[in-house]
């Protein structure tokens, strides 16, 4: 997870199966979605995101990400201030 204080986005990496092989997919998210991903990271909650997947032998990234969401724990943000 990467975020510079002067930027209005953050980058996460998500492990996923791509054509039968595990790849770490980089996704650049707006700050609201980025902070949701940060909060979901420690409890290892799954996430979903749509976009255009670009894969090379050494990297993978999701272009034009949309509809990012944390799957599962609906109480993820309860009690957070």
Protein backbone atom coordinates (compact mmCIF):
# COMPACT_ATOMS: atom_id res chain seq x y z
CA UNK A 1 0.00 0.00 0.00
CA UNK A 2 1.40 3.35 -1.03
CA UNK A 3 0.08 6.85 -0.44
CA UNK A 4 1.91 10.16 -0.44
CA UNK A 5 0.29 12.91 1.67
CA UNK A 6 0.27 15.32 -1.29
CA UNK A 7 -1.57 12.89 -3.60
CA UNK A 8 -5.31 12.35 -3.92
CA UNK A 9 -4.95 8.61 -4.49
CA UNK A 10 -3.23 5.54 -3.09
CA UNK A 11 -2.01 2.29 -4.65
CA UNK A 12 -2.86 -1.14 -3.28
CA UNK A 13 -1.72 -4.56 -4.39
CA UNK A 14 -4.19 -7.44 -4.39
CA UNK A 15 -3.28 -11.12 -4.80
CA UNK A 16 -5.48 -12.84 -7.37
CA UNK A 17 -5.48 -15.80 -9.73
CA UNK A 18 -4.86 -14.77 -13.34
CA UNK A 19 -4.94 -17.55 -15.93
CA UNK A 20 -4.19 -20.09 -13.20
CA UNK A 21 -1.22 -18.22 -11.71
CA UNK A 22 -1.18 -16.00 -8.62
CA UNK A 23 -0.42 -12.37 -9.47
CA UNK A 24 -0.16 -9.27 -7.33
CA UNK A 25 -2.34 -6.73 -9.10
CA UNK A 26 -1.67 -3.02 -8.53
CA UNK A 27 -4.76 -0.82 -8.28
CA UNK A 28 -4.72 2.97 -8.00
CA UNK A 29 -7.71 4.08 -5.90
CA UNK A 30 -9.20 7.38 -4.82
CA UNK A 31 -8.61 8.21 -1.16
CA UNK A 32 -11.97 6.99 0.18
CA UNK A 33 -11.54 3.57 -1.41
CA UNK A 34 -7.84 3.50 -0.51
CA UNK A 35 -8.56 4.02 3.21
CA UNK A 36 -11.29 1.34 3.06
CA UNK A 37 -8.65 -1.03 1.64
CA UNK A 38 -6.19 -0.09 4.39
CA UNK A 39 -8.79 -0.89 7.06
CA UNK A 40 -9.63 -4.21 5.37
CA UNK A 41 -5.98 -5.26 5.13
CA UNK A 42 -5.26 -6.30 8.73
CA UNK A 43 -8.33 -8.58 9.10
CA UNK A 44 -7.54 -9.87 5.59
CA UNK A 45 -11.00 -9.18 4.24
CA UNK A 46 -11.48 -9.87 0.54
CA UNK A 47 -12.10 -6.97 -1.84
CA UNK A 48 -13.64 -6.65 -5.29
CA UNK A 49 -12.95 -4.14 -8.02
CA UNK A 50 -13.79 -3.91 -11.71
CA UNK A 51 -11.54 -2.50 -14.40
CA UNK A 52 -9.32 -3.35 -17.34
CA UNK A 53 -6.68 -5.90 -16.32
CA UNK A 54 -3.27 -5.48 -17.95
CA UNK A 55 -0.86 -8.38 -17.42
CA UNK A 56 2.79 -8.72 -18.41
CA UNK A 57 5.16 -11.54 -17.47
CA UNK A 58 6.44 -9.47 -14.52
CA UNK A 59 3.51 -7.28 -13.44
CA UNK A 60 -0.23 -6.74 -13.47
CA UNK A 61 -2.35 -3.65 -12.93
CA UNK A 62 -6.01 -2.74 -13.08
CA UNK A 63 -6.64 0.29 -15.30
CA UNK A 64 -9.80 2.38 -14.91
CA UNK A 65 -10.74 0.81 -11.53
CA UNK A 66 -14.37 1.17 -10.49
CA UNK A 67 -16.87 -0.22 -7.99
CA UNK A 68 -14.24 -1.02 -5.35
CA UNK A 69 -15.73 -2.67 -2.27
CA UNK A 70 -14.75 -4.66 0.78
CA UNK A 71 -16.54 -8.01 0.85
CA UNK A 72 -17.72 -9.73 3.97
CA UNK A 73 -17.53 -8.00 7.32
CA UNK A 74 -20.29 -5.38 7.41
CA UNK A 75 -19.05 -4.26 10.85
CA UNK A 76 -15.61 -3.31 9.50
CA UNK A 77 -16.04 0.39 10.24
CA UNK A 78 -18.31 0.25 13.30
CA UNK A 79 -16.79 1.90 16.31
CA UNK A 80 -14.20 3.75 14.23
CA UNK A 81 -13.86 7.47 14.76
